[in-house]
Amino acid sequence: MTECVECGAEVSLHDDLEAGEIIDCTTCGAELEVVDTEPPVLERAPELEEDWGE
């Protein structure tokens, strides 16, 4: 378990967690990116921008 960087709620993590994985906070719905696995570190996932086919 670790904390959501947006709302502070506990976020449960599965055993085979990998860096770069995106986790959803079940409390506030924020998308969180796993930055490190030992110990687990989460940051807010970057927003994907539309490229409009360019």
Protein backbone atom coordinates (compact mmCIF):
# COMPACT_ATOMS: atom_id res chain seq x y z
CA MET A 1 0.00 0.00 0.00
CA THR A 2 1.00 3.58 -0.62
CA GLU A 3 -0.78 6.94 -0.65
CA CYS A 4 -2.44 8.76 -3.53
CA VAL A 5 -0.51 11.98 -4.26
CA GLU A 6 -3.79 13.75 -5.09
CA CYS A 7 -6.12 12.90 -2.17
CA GLY A 8 -3.94 11.05 0.35
CA ALA A 9 -6.10 7.90 0.32
CA GLU A 10 -4.43 4.51 0.56
CA VAL A 11 -3.86 2.87 -2.83
CA SER A 12 -3.51 -0.90 -2.89
CA LEU A 13 -0.82 -2.22 -5.21
CA HIS A 14 -0.46 -5.69 -6.70
CA ASP A 15 2.64 -7.85 -6.21
CA ASP A 16 4.09 -7.69 -9.74
CA LEU A 17 4.12 -3.89 -9.95
CA GLU A 18 6.38 -2.39 -12.64
CA ALA A 19 7.81 1.11 -13.10
CA GLY A 20 5.85 3.05 -15.72
CA GLU A 21 2.58 1.33 -14.88
CA ILE A 22 -0.54 3.49 -14.49
CA ILE A 23 -2.70 2.94 -11.40
CA ASP A 24 -6.13 4.50 -10.77
CA CYS A 25 -6.97 5.83 -7.31
CA THR A 26 -10.29 4.26 -6.35
CA THR A 27 -11.11 7.21 -4.08
CA CYS A 28 -10.57 10.28 -6.29
CA GLY A 29 -10.07 8.67 -9.73
CA ALA A 30 -6.63 10.21 -10.32
CA GLU A 31 -4.32 8.37 -12.72
CA LEU A 32 -1.01 7.69 -10.99
CA GLU A 33 2.23 6.51 -12.56
CA VAL A 34 4.52 4.09 -10.74
CA VAL A 35 7.92 5.82 -10.69
CA ASP A 36 9.72 3.28 -8.51
CA THR A 37 8.79 -0.10 -7.03
CA GLU A 38 11.12 -0.44 -4.00
CA PRO A 39 9.67 1.31 -2.12
CA PRO A 40 6.58 2.05 -4.24
CA VAL A 41 6.58 5.69 -5.40
CA LEU A 42 3.61 7.18 -7.26
CA GLU A 43 3.35 10.48 -9.14
CA ARG A 44 0.46 11.98 -11.04
CA ALA A 45 0.43 10.45 -14.53
CA PRO A 46 1.16 12.90 -17.36
CA GLU A 47 -1.88 14.07 -19.30
CA LEU A 48 -1.93 12.75 -22.84
CA GLU A 49 -2.54 15.48 -25.38
CA GLU A 50 -4.45 15.04 -28.60
CA ASP A 51 -2.22 15.11 -31.65
CA TRP A 52 -5.19 15.47 -34.04
CA GLY A 53 -3.52 13.13 -36.53
CA GLU A 54 -0.45 15.30 -37.01
